[in-house]
C-alpha atoms as a PDB file:
ATOM      1  CA  MET A   1     -43.762   3.385 -54.069  1.00  0.00           C
ATOM      2  CA  ALA A   2     -47.495   4.005 -53.983  1.00  0.00           C
ATOM      3  CA  TYR A   3     -49.996   1.144 -53.997  1.00  0.00           C
ATOM      4  CA  SER A   4     -53.648   0.708 -54.862  1.00  0.00           C
ATOM      5  CA  LEU A   5     -55.952  -2.303 -54.821  1.00  0.00           C
ATOM      6  CA  ARG A   6     -59.242  -2.856 -56.597  1.00  0.00           C
ATOM      7  CA  GLU A   7     -61.482  -5.645 -57.784  1.00  0.00           C
ATOM      8  CA  GLU A   8     -60.359  -6.463 -61.318  1.00  0.00           C
ATOM      9  CA  SER A   9     -63.716  -5.852 -63.000  1.00  0.00           C
ATOM     10  CA  GLU A  10     -64.601  -2.831 -60.841  1.00  0.00           C
ATOM     11  CA  VAL A  11     -63.192   0.583 -59.970  1.00  0.00           C
ATOM     12  CA  ALA A  12     -62.948  -0.189 -56.257  1.00  0.00           C
ATOM     13  CA  LEU A  13     -62.993  -2.958 -53.673  1.00  0.00           C
ATOM     14  CA  PRO A  14     -66.230  -4.501 -52.403  1.00  0.00           C
ATOM     15  CA  ASN A  15     -67.742  -2.242 -49.701  1.00  0.00           C
ATOM     16  CA  TRP A  16     -66.929  -4.743 -46.903  1.00  0.00           C
ATOM     17  CA  LEU A  17     -63.211  -4.870 -47.805  1.00  0.00           C
ATOM     18  CA  THR A  18     -60.538  -2.249 -47.079  1.00  0.00           C
ATOM     19  CA  PHE A  19     -56.903  -1.846 -48.099  1.00  0.00           C
ATOM     20  CA  ASP A  20     -54.480   0.313 -46.125  1.00  0.00           C
ATOM     21  CA  GLU A  21     -52.068   1.745 -48.690  1.00  0.00           C
ATOM     22  CA  THR A  22     -49.517   2.600 -45.991  1.00  0.00           C
ATOM     23  CA  THR A  23     -49.338  -0.732 -44.151  1.00  0.00           C
ATOM     24  CA  LEU A  24     -50.462  -2.837 -47.164  1.00  0.00           C
ATOM     25  CA  VAL A  25     -52.999  -4.630 -44.949  1.00  0.00           C
ATOM     26  CA  LEU A  26     -56.171  -6.018 -46.528  1.00  0.00           C
ATOM     27  CA  SER A  27     -59.034  -6.497 -44.065  1.00  0.00           C
ATOM     28  CA  GLY A  28     -62.773  -6.931 -43.941  1.00  0.00           C
ATOM     29  CA  MET A  29     -65.748  -8.812 -42.576  1.00  0.00           C
ATOM     30  CA  PRO A  30     -67.829 -10.316 -45.384  1.00  0.00           C
ATOM     31  CA  SER A  31     -71.360 -11.567 -44.921  1.00  0.00           C
ATOM     32  CA  ILE A  32     -72.532 -14.912 -46.249  1.00  0.00           C
ATOM     33  CA  GLU A  33     -73.926 -13.114 -49.307  1.00  0.00           C
ATOM     34  CA  ASN A  34     -70.369 -12.065 -50.196  1.00  0.00           C
ATOM     35  CA  SER A  35     -69.226 -15.676 -50.618  1.00  0.00           C
ATOM     36  CA  LYS A  36     -67.483 -15.956 -53.986  1.00  0.00           C
ATOM     37  CA  THR A  37     -64.060 -15.711 -55.586  1.00  0.00           C
ATOM     38  CA  TYR A  38     -62.799 -12.174 -56.143  1.00  0.00           C
ATOM     39  CA  THR A  39     -59.999 -11.344 -58.573  1.00  0.00           C
ATOM     40  CA  LEU A  40     -58.062  -8.382 -57.191  1.00  0.00           C
ATOM     41  CA  GLU A  41     -55.573  -6.145 -58.959  1.00  0.00           C
ATOM     42  CA  LEU A  42     -52.676  -4.671 -56.970  1.00  0.00           C
ATOM     43  CA  THR A  43     -50.924  -1.747 -58.627  1.00  0.00           C
ATOM     44  CA  GLY A  44     -47.589  -0.312 -57.533  1.00  0.00           C
ATOM     45  CA  ILE A  45     -46.393   3.005 -58.943  1.00  0.00           C
ATOM     46  CA  SER A  46     -42.919   4.467 -58.590  1.00  0.00           C
ATOM     47  CA  SER A  47     -41.207   7.359 -60.310  1.00  0.00           C
ATOM     48  CA  LYS A  48     -38.293   5.069 -61.243  1.00  0.00           C
ATOM     49  CA  ASP A  49     -40.069   1.925 -62.482  1.00  0.00           C
ATOM     50  CA  GLY A  50     -43.454   3.295 -63.540  1.00  0.00           C
ATOM     51  CA  GLU A  51     -46.547   1.144 -63.005  1.00  0.00           C
ATOM     52  CA  ILE A  52     -46.445  -2.544 -62.075  1.00  0.00           C
ATOM     53  CA  LYS A  53     -49.608  -4.662 -61.726  1.00  0.00           C
ATOM     54  CA  THR A  54     -50.309  -8.123 -60.394  1.00  0.00           C
ATOM     55  CA  HIS A  55     -53.526 -10.083 -59.906  1.00  0.00           C
ATOM     56  CA  PHE A  56     -54.530 -12.530 -57.192  1.00  0.00           C
ATOM     57  CA  LYS A  57     -57.660 -14.320 -56.058  1.00  0.00           C
ATOM     58  CA  LEU A  58     -59.412 -13.835 -52.732  1.00  0.00           C
ATOM     59  CA  ILE A  59     -61.762 -16.721 -51.963  1.00  0.00           C
ATOM     60  CA  VAL A  60     -64.560 -15.966 -49.501  1.00  0.00           C
ATOM     61  CA  GLU A  61     -66.374 -19.053 -48.232  1.00  0.00           C
ATOM     62  CA  PRO A  62     -69.144 -19.315 -45.661  1.00  0.00           C
ATOM     63  CA  PHE A  63     -67.956 -20.255 -42.219  1.00  0.00           C
ATOM     64  CA  PRO A  64     -69.216 -23.713 -41.256  1.00  0.00           C
ATOM     65  CA  LYS A  65     -72.144 -23.722 -38.895  1.00  0.00           C
ATOM     66  CA  VAL A  66     -71.301 -25.322 -35.571  1.00  0.00           C
ATOM     67  CA  VAL A  67     -74.060 -27.006 -33.566  1.00  0.00           C
ATOM     68  CA  ILE A  68     -73.449 -28.001 -29.971  1.00  0.00           C
ATOM     69  CA  ASN A  69     -75.975 -30.308 -28.287  1.00  0.00           C
END
């Protein structure tokens, strides 16, 4: 089975986000400007079953500011 991941309305992932097709690990370090909800499309392709797609949401929120006095 081969896998790919992209943002639903784009041809790729945002530049701060990576997907390892071998380990199926999604990782990244967004900045505060990247705070939003992303709809991602995961595609699996096999010679037996053809192409299977699913969608999920990735919600990026700003980390709360901590002030220590």
